[in-house]
Amino acid sequence: MPVDNVGVAATSTIEVALGDRSYAVHIGSGVRHRLASVVARLGAERVAVVSARPAESTPETGVPTLFVPARDGEENKNLAWVEELCRKFAAFGLTRGDAVVSCGGGTTTDAVGLAAALYHRGVPVVHMPTSLLAQVDASTGGKTAVNLPAGKNLVGVYWQPSEVLCDTDYLRTLPAREWTNGYGEIARCHFIGAGDLRGLPLDEQIAASVRRKAEIVTADERDTGLRHLLNYGHTLGHALERATDFAIKHGEGVAIGTVFAGRLAHALGRIDEARMTEHLDVVSGYGLPTALPIGLAAETLIGLMRLDKKAVGGLAFVLDGPRGAELVRDVPAHVVVRTLAEMPVAALPV
């Protein structure tokens, strides 16, 4: 079981260097207990904690605290929930000099981060991600967003956290599918410059994933170029989430999308067959799904992929190639259709 790989290791600290918006990501056992010192450093007199964990398991903040139970899950990642959070902040008397804390998975991090960015035009936010997915990806980088019926993450802003506390103790209680959800993001890091992370202790895999993301975010905070690399496998992955009404989890979709990205890059002549097979080997090596769900029409998936934020007038994918991974725009639809048809199919994960 993956839980056996959660050891008590030395804490890693990774700096996200963004000038006056710089912050640290702490990874290791027990780092959640740094929360009170972080709040003190921020000078906050009140804190709102939005948590998917019980109130009694929330670390001390050291100041008067509003506890709000999180609504985790993609179905709750919407503007209505953001508005409700802001109303609760206002009723509590939260000011611009106070702070918000998220404690939960990636959907909590995304929605709470957006609420913090909008309330009083921006209050400090501290993320304490409790899922593997959130620790390796969602909590770092400053992207906040919620969904619309038309697509995933279509409404959001950039709002960097003030600190990120990735406590690996939180991972001990994760159900099996939440492990695969997180490993999907770790697997795709293999193809965006993080190196081969297979076989490393979990805390080192998390640190390597966060370190690579920090490097990319530092170079391209606003997603105008290099940051596109972080979307490796995501174009099809997001479409699969929407097409299955989120029966496919985010990391599972990214895993399948990574295998597809290898096939598509090969179909376009960007990589050889061995590199294409490497995509399958890495993803399957983490025990992740590699096949499309049965019964999804290519036309449906292509329609959803056209809504991707990277697509401007045509289909766009982050694909491997001679210069490494890069954004490829205006990929011919017929090549995408053919590549989808060549993908294996399987029942939805359960």
Protein backbone atom coordinates (compact mmCIF):
# COMPACT_ATOMS: atom_id res chain seq x y z
CA MET A 1 0.00 0.00 0.00
CA PRO A 2 1.23 3.55 -0.75
CA VAL A 3 0.76 4.50 2.91
CA ASP A 4 3.82 2.42 3.76
CA ASN A 5 5.85 4.86 1.71
CA VAL A 6 4.94 7.77 4.00
CA GLY A 7 7.92 7.96 6.29
CA VAL A 8 9.01 10.41 8.95
CA ALA A 9 11.62 12.25 6.92
CA ALA A 10 13.48 15.50 7.28
CA THR A 11 11.45 18.50 6.25
CA SER A 12 12.11 19.94 2.81
CA THR A 13 11.63 23.64 2.13
CA ILE A 14 11.30 24.91 -1.43
CA GLU A 15 11.27 28.62 -2.19
CA VAL A 16 9.00 30.03 -4.88
CA ALA A 17 10.95 33.17 -5.80
CA LEU A 18 8.53 35.82 -7.02
CA GLY A 19 9.90 39.03 -5.57
CA ASP A 20 7.54 40.50 -2.98
CA ARG A 21 5.17 37.59 -3.62
CA SER A 22 7.77 34.93 -2.76
CA TYR A 23 6.88 32.16 -0.33
CA ALA A 24 8.07 28.83 1.01
CA VAL A 25 6.59 25.36 0.54
CA HIS A 26 7.36 23.12 3.52
CA ILE A 27 7.10 19.34 3.01
CA GLY A 28 7.33 16.74 5.75
CA SER A 29 5.80 15.17 8.82
CA GLY A 30 4.20 17.62 11.26
CA VAL A 31 4.74 20.83 9.27
CA ARG A 32 1.07 21.77 9.79
CA HIS A 33 2.00 22.79 13.33
CA ARG A 34 3.89 25.76 11.90
CA LEU A 35 0.55 27.43 11.17
CA ALA A 36 0.47 29.67 14.25
CA SER A 37 3.96 31.01 13.52
CA VAL A 38 2.97 31.69 9.91
CA VAL A 39 -0.15 33.58 11.05
CA ALA A 40 1.97 35.60 13.49
CA ARG A 41 4.45 36.48 10.74
CA LEU A 42 1.57 37.72 8.58
CA GLY A 43 0.34 39.92 11.41
CA ALA A 44 -3.22 38.61 11.10
CA GLU A 45 -5.52 39.26 14.04
CA ARG A 46 -8.22 36.88 12.80
CA VAL A 47 -8.18 33.81 10.58
CA ALA A 48 -10.84 31.93 8.62
CA VAL A 49 -9.98 28.24 8.22
CA VAL A 50 -11.86 26.37 5.50
CA SER A 51 -11.17 22.72 6.16
CA ALA A 52 -12.14 19.30 4.91
CA ARG A 53 -10.85 17.92 8.23
CA PRO A 54 -12.74 18.06 11.55
CA ALA A 55 -12.38 21.27 13.55
CA GLU A 56 -10.61 19.47 16.38
CA SER A 57 -7.85 18.32 14.00
CA THR A 58 -7.10 21.86 12.83
CA PRO A 59 -3.75 23.17 14.12
CA GLU A 60 -3.82 26.15 16.46
CA THR A 61 -3.72 29.49 14.68
CA GLY A 62 -2.95 31.59 17.76
CA VAL A 63 -5.73 34.10 16.97
CA PRO A 64 -9.58 34.11 16.96
CA THR A 65 -10.57 31.65 14.23
CA LEU A 66 -13.65 31.02 12.12
CA PHE A 67 -13.93 27.36 11.15
CA VAL A 68 -15.83 26.62 7.92
CA PRO A 69 -16.35 22.99 6.79
CA ALA A 70 -15.09 22.64 3.23
CA ARG A 71 -17.17 21.38 0.34
CA ASP A 72 -14.62 19.28 -1.44
CA GLY A 73 -15.27 17.78 -4.86
CA GLU A 74 -15.58 19.23 -8.36
CA GLU A 75 -19.37 19.49 -8.07
CA ASN A 76 -18.89 22.15 -5.36
CA LYS A 77 -16.12 24.08 -7.10
CA ASN A 78 -18.31 26.90 -8.34
CA LEU A 79 -18.99 30.61 -7.94
CA ALA A 80 -21.87 30.02 -5.55
CA TRP A 81 -19.48 28.41 -3.04
CA VAL A 82 -16.99 31.27 -3.44
CA GLU A 83 -19.74 33.80 -2.75
CA GLU A 84 -20.86 31.88 0.33
CA LEU A 85 -17.31 31.80 1.65
CA CYS A 86 -16.93 35.56 1.17
CA ARG A 87 -20.22 36.14 3.00
CA LYS A 88 -18.94 34.06 5.92
CA PHE A 89 -15.68 36.01 5.96
CA ALA A 90 -17.62 39.28 6.10
CA ALA A 91 -19.93 38.09 8.87
CA PHE A 92 -16.88 37.11 10.92
CA GLY A 93 -15.40 40.56 10.42
CA LEU A 94 -12.37 39.42 8.47
CA THR A 95 -10.36 42.40 7.23
CA ARG A 96 -7.74 42.84 4.57
CA GLY A 97 -5.08 42.54 7.24
CA ASP A 98 -6.27 39.10 8.34
CA ALA A 99 -5.80 35.74 6.63
CA VAL A 100 -7.57 32.71 5.16
CA VAL A 101 -6.36 29.11 5.49
CA SER A 102 -7.36 26.25 3.21
CA CYS A 103 -7.08 22.70 4.52
CA GLY A 104 -8.21 20.06 2.06
CA GLY A 105 -7.74 18.66 -1.41
CA GLY A 106 -7.18 20.41 -4.70
CA THR A 107 -10.76 21.57 -5.16
CA THR A 108 -10.69 23.18 -1.71
CA THR A 109 -7.36 24.84 -2.47
CA ASP A 110 -8.70 26.20 -5.78
CA ALA A 111 -12.00 27.55 -4.43
CA VAL A 112 -10.66 28.93 -1.15
CA GLY A 113 -7.74 30.53 -2.97
CA LEU A 114 -10.17 32.29 -5.31
CA ALA A 115 -12.33 33.46 -2.40
CA ALA A 116 -9.23 34.87 -0.66
CA ALA A 117 -8.16 36.61 -3.88
CA LEU A 118 -11.55 38.28 -4.33
CA TYR A 119 -12.45 39.17 -0.74
CA HIS A 120 -11.40 42.78 -0.03
CA ARG A 121 -9.56 42.54 -3.37
CA GLY A 122 -7.15 40.08 -1.81
CA VAL A 123 -6.29 38.74 1.64
CA PRO A 124 -3.34 36.48 2.48
CA VAL A 125 -4.00 32.76 2.07
CA VAL A 126 -2.10 29.82 3.57
CA HIS A 127 -2.58 26.39 2.02
CA MET A 128 -2.41 23.16 4.03
CA PRO A 129 -3.06 20.54 1.32
CA THR A 130 -4.28 17.19 2.66
CA SER A 131 -4.30 15.09 -0.53
CA LEU A 132 -1.36 13.92 -2.60
CA LEU A 133 -2.77 15.74 -5.63
CA ALA A 134 -2.96 19.03 -3.75
CA GLN A 135 0.51 18.63 -2.26
CA VAL A 136 2.26 17.97 -5.56
CA ASP A 137 0.30 20.45 -7.65
CA ALA A 138 -2.73 22.53 -6.65
CA SER A 139 -1.33 24.24 -3.56
CA THR A 140 1.70 25.78 -5.30
CA GLY A 141 1.77 28.28 -8.15
CA GLY A 142 -1.01 30.73 -7.38
CA LYS A 143 -3.63 29.51 -9.82
CA THR A 144 -7.12 29.72 -8.34
CA ALA A 145 -10.27 28.84 -10.23
CA VAL A 146 -13.76 27.37 -10.18
CA ASN A 147 -15.79 25.61 -12.83
CA LEU A 148 -18.63 26.67 -15.08
CA PRO A 149 -21.12 24.28 -16.70
CA ALA A 150 -19.24 24.97 -19.95
CA GLY A 151 -15.87 23.83 -18.65
CA LYS A 152 -13.34 23.31 -15.89
CA ASN A 153 -11.41 26.16 -14.24
CA LEU A 154 -12.87 28.82 -16.56
CA VAL A 155 -13.21 31.48 -13.83
CA GLY A 156 -10.15 32.31 -11.78
CA VAL A 157 -7.26 34.63 -10.95
CA TYR A 158 -3.61 34.34 -9.99
CA TRP A 159 -3.20 34.73 -6.23
CA GLN A 160 -0.02 33.39 -4.71
CA PRO A 161 -0.24 31.89 -1.20
CA SER A 162 1.75 33.34 1.67
CA GLU A 163 2.98 29.89 2.72
CA VAL A 164 2.27 26.24 1.90
CA LEU A 165 2.44 23.51 4.56
CA CYS A 166 2.48 20.04 2.95
CA ASP A 167 2.18 17.77 5.97
CA THR A 168 2.76 14.19 4.81
CA ASP A 169 0.97 12.90 7.94
CA TYR A 170 -2.28 13.92 6.25
CA LEU A 171 -1.66 11.34 3.54
CA ARG A 172 -1.86 8.33 5.87
CA THR A 173 -5.66 8.24 5.73
CA LEU A 174 -6.08 8.68 1.97
CA PRO A 175 -8.29 6.14 0.18
CA ALA A 176 -6.73 4.20 -2.69
CA ARG A 177 -8.15 6.35 -5.50
CA GLU A 178 -6.78 9.50 -3.93
CA TRP A 179 -3.31 7.97 -4.23
CA THR A 180 -3.81 7.40 -7.95
CA ASN A 181 -5.28 10.90 -8.21
CA GLY A 182 -2.00 12.35 -6.94
CA TYR A 183 0.33 9.97 -8.74
CA GLY A 184 -1.15 11.09 -12.06
CA GLU A 185 0.45 14.50 -11.56
CA ILE A 186 3.73 12.98 -10.38
CA ALA A 187 3.88 10.69 -13.44
CA ARG A 188 3.51 13.57 -15.89
CA CYS A 189 6.44 15.35 -14.19
CA HIS A 190 8.69 12.71 -15.83
CA PHE A 191 8.09 14.46 -19.15
CA ILE A 192 8.44 18.10 -18.10
CA GLY A 193 11.92 18.07 -16.64
CA ALA A 194 11.61 16.57 -13.14
CA GLY A 195 13.50 13.40 -14.06
CA ASP A 196 12.56 9.82 -13.27
CA LEU A 197 10.93 9.86 -9.83
CA ARG A 198 9.90 6.21 -9.79
CA GLY A 199 11.18 4.32 -6.77
CA LEU A 200 12.01 7.40 -4.71
CA PRO A 201 10.49 7.81 -1.22
CA LEU A 202 7.18 9.64 -1.39
CA ASP A 203 8.38 12.83 0.31
CA GLU A 204 11.18 13.06 -2.27
CA GLN A 205 8.71 12.59 -5.12
CA ILE A 206 6.54 15.37 -3.70
CA ALA A 207 9.55 17.66 -3.22
CA ALA A 208 10.84 17.00 -6.75
CA SER A 209 7.41 17.70 -8.25
CA VAL A 210 7.03 20.93 -6.26
CA ARG A 211 10.61 21.99 -7.05
CA ARG A 212 10.03 21.60 -10.79
CA LYS A 213 6.76 23.49 -10.57
CA ALA A 214 8.43 26.26 -8.56
CA GLU A 215 11.13 26.59 -11.25
CA ILE A 216 8.49 26.92 -13.96
CA VAL A 217 6.26 29.31 -12.01
CA THR A 218 9.24 31.51 -11.12
CA ALA A 219 10.09 31.80 -14.81
CA ASP A 220 6.49 32.29 -16.00
CA GLU A 221 4.05 33.24 -13.26
CA ARG A 222 1.21 34.26 -15.59
CA ASP A 223 1.16 31.30 -17.97
CA THR A 224 2.43 33.13 -21.06
CA GLY A 225 4.98 30.55 -22.14
CA LEU A 226 6.96 28.01 -20.13
CA ARG A 227 4.17 27.43 -17.61
CA HIS A 228 2.21 25.66 -20.32
CA LEU A 229 4.45 22.66 -19.53
CA LEU A 230 2.49 22.08 -16.32
CA ASN A 231 -0.53 21.23 -18.48
CA TYR A 232 1.13 18.11 -19.86
CA GLY A 233 -1.63 15.51 -20.20
CA HIS A 234 -4.25 17.99 -19.02
CA THR A 235 -6.02 18.87 -22.27
CA LEU A 236 -7.51 15.40 -22.67
CA GLY A 237 -7.52 14.91 -18.89
CA HIS A 238 -9.85 17.85 -18.28
CA ALA A 239 -12.08 16.72 -21.15
CA LEU A 240 -12.36 13.24 -19.62
CA GLU A 241 -13.34 14.73 -16.26
CA ARG A 242 -16.13 16.75 -17.87
CA ALA A 243 -17.29 13.98 -20.21
CA THR A 244 -17.70 11.52 -17.33
CA ASP A 245 -19.26 14.09 -14.96
CA PHE A 246 -16.08 13.76 -12.85
CA ALA A 247 -16.36 9.99 -12.46
CA ILE A 248 -12.79 10.20 -13.78
CA LYS A 249 -10.72 12.00 -11.14
CA HIS A 250 -8.30 14.73 -12.15
CA GLY A 251 -5.11 12.72 -11.71
CA GLU A 252 -6.63 9.74 -13.51
CA GLY A 253 -7.54 11.98 -16.42
CA VAL A 254 -4.03 13.43 -16.49
CA ALA A 255 -2.57 9.92 -16.50
CA ILE A 256 -4.67 8.88 -19.50
CA GLY A 257 -3.94 12.26 -21.09
CA THR A 258 -0.21 11.69 -20.66
CA VAL A 259 -0.38 8.35 -22.49
CA PHE A 260 -2.43 10.05 -25.21
CA ALA A 261 0.10 12.90 -25.42
CA GLY A 262 2.82 10.36 -26.14
CA ARG A 263 0.75 8.74 -28.87
CA LEU A 264 -0.18 12.10 -30.39
CA ALA A 265 3.42 13.33 -30.38
CA HIS A 266 4.42 10.13 -32.17
CA ALA A 267 1.59 10.51 -34.69
CA LEU A 268 2.87 14.02 -35.47
CA GLY A 269 6.43 12.74 -35.92
CA ARG A 270 7.75 14.58 -32.88
CA ILE A 271 9.03 11.51 -30.98
CA ASP A 272 10.01 7.96 -31.85
CA GLU A 273 8.19 4.79 -30.85
CA ALA A 274 10.49 4.12 -27.88
CA ARG A 275 9.69 7.51 -26.35
CA MET A 276 5.99 6.93 -27.00
CA THR A 277 6.22 3.60 -25.17
CA GLU A 278 8.03 5.33 -22.31
CA HIS A 279 4.87 7.37 -21.68
CA LEU A 280 2.89 4.16 -21.22
CA ASP A 281 5.60 2.56 -19.08
CA VAL A 282 5.84 5.50 -16.68
CA VAL A 283 2.09 5.90 -16.25
CA SER A 284 1.39 2.19 -15.85
CA GLY A 285 4.38 1.93 -13.50
CA TYR A 286 2.45 4.04 -11.00
CA GLY A 287 -0.58 1.75 -11.29
CA LEU A 288 -2.54 4.44 -13.11
CA PRO A 289 -5.24 4.05 -15.77
CA THR A 290 -3.97 4.20 -19.33
CA ALA A 291 -7.14 3.59 -21.39
CA LEU A 292 -10.08 5.75 -22.43
CA PRO A 293 -13.40 5.00 -20.72
CA ILE A 294 -15.72 2.89 -22.83
CA GLY A 295 -18.42 4.72 -24.77
CA LEU A 296 -16.98 8.22 -25.11
CA ALA A 297 -17.32 9.66 -28.60
CA ALA A 298 -14.29 11.38 -30.10
CA GLU A 299 -16.52 14.29 -31.15
CA THR A 300 -17.53 14.85 -27.53
CA LEU A 301 -13.94 14.87 -26.31
CA ILE A 302 -12.76 17.15 -29.12
CA GLY A 303 -15.58 19.60 -28.36
CA LEU A 304 -14.49 19.74 -24.74
CA MET A 305 -10.80 20.03 -25.66
CA ARG A 306 -11.59 23.06 -27.81
CA LEU A 307 -12.69 24.80 -24.58
CA ASP A 308 -9.20 24.34 -23.13
CA LYS A 309 -7.63 27.65 -22.05
CA LYS A 310 -4.58 27.00 -24.26
CA ALA A 311 -6.70 26.60 -27.40
CA VAL A 312 -6.88 29.78 -29.48
CA GLY A 313 -8.73 29.04 -32.69
CA GLY A 314 -7.81 25.36 -32.78
CA LEU A 315 -6.75 22.32 -30.78
CA ALA A 316 -3.64 22.82 -28.64
CA PHE A 317 -1.62 20.28 -26.65
CA VAL A 318 1.59 20.25 -24.65
CA LEU A 319 3.63 17.59 -26.42
CA ASP A 320 7.05 16.01 -26.18
CA GLY A 321 9.46 16.62 -29.02
CA PRO A 322 13.07 17.14 -30.10
CA ARG A 323 13.40 20.17 -27.81
CA GLY A 324 11.46 18.53 -24.99
CA ALA A 325 7.88 19.33 -24.04
CA GLU A 326 6.31 22.45 -25.55
CA LEU A 327 2.92 23.87 -26.48
CA VAL A 328 1.80 22.85 -29.97
CA ARG A 329 -1.09 24.85 -31.39
CA ASP A 330 -3.45 24.07 -34.26
CA VAL A 331 -3.04 20.31 -34.10
CA PRO A 332 -5.09 18.86 -36.99
CA ALA A 333 -8.40 17.48 -35.74
CA HIS A 334 -8.19 14.41 -37.97
CA VAL A 335 -4.90 13.39 -36.31
CA VAL A 336 -6.47 13.79 -32.88
CA VAL A 337 -9.49 11.71 -33.93
CA ARG A 338 -7.27 8.95 -35.32
CA THR A 339 -5.09 8.92 -32.20
CA LEU A 340 -8.14 8.74 -29.95
CA ALA A 341 -9.44 5.81 -32.00
CA GLU A 342 -6.13 3.97 -31.49
CA MET A 343 -6.27 4.32 -27.71
CA PRO A 344 -7.34 1.21 -25.74
CA VAL A 345 -10.64 1.43 -23.87
CA ALA A 346 -11.68 0.13 -20.46
CA ALA A 347 -14.41 0.46 -17.87
CA LEU A 348 -14.37 3.51 -15.62
CA PRO A 349 -12.13 3.22 -12.53
CA VAL A 350 -13.98 2.38 -9.32
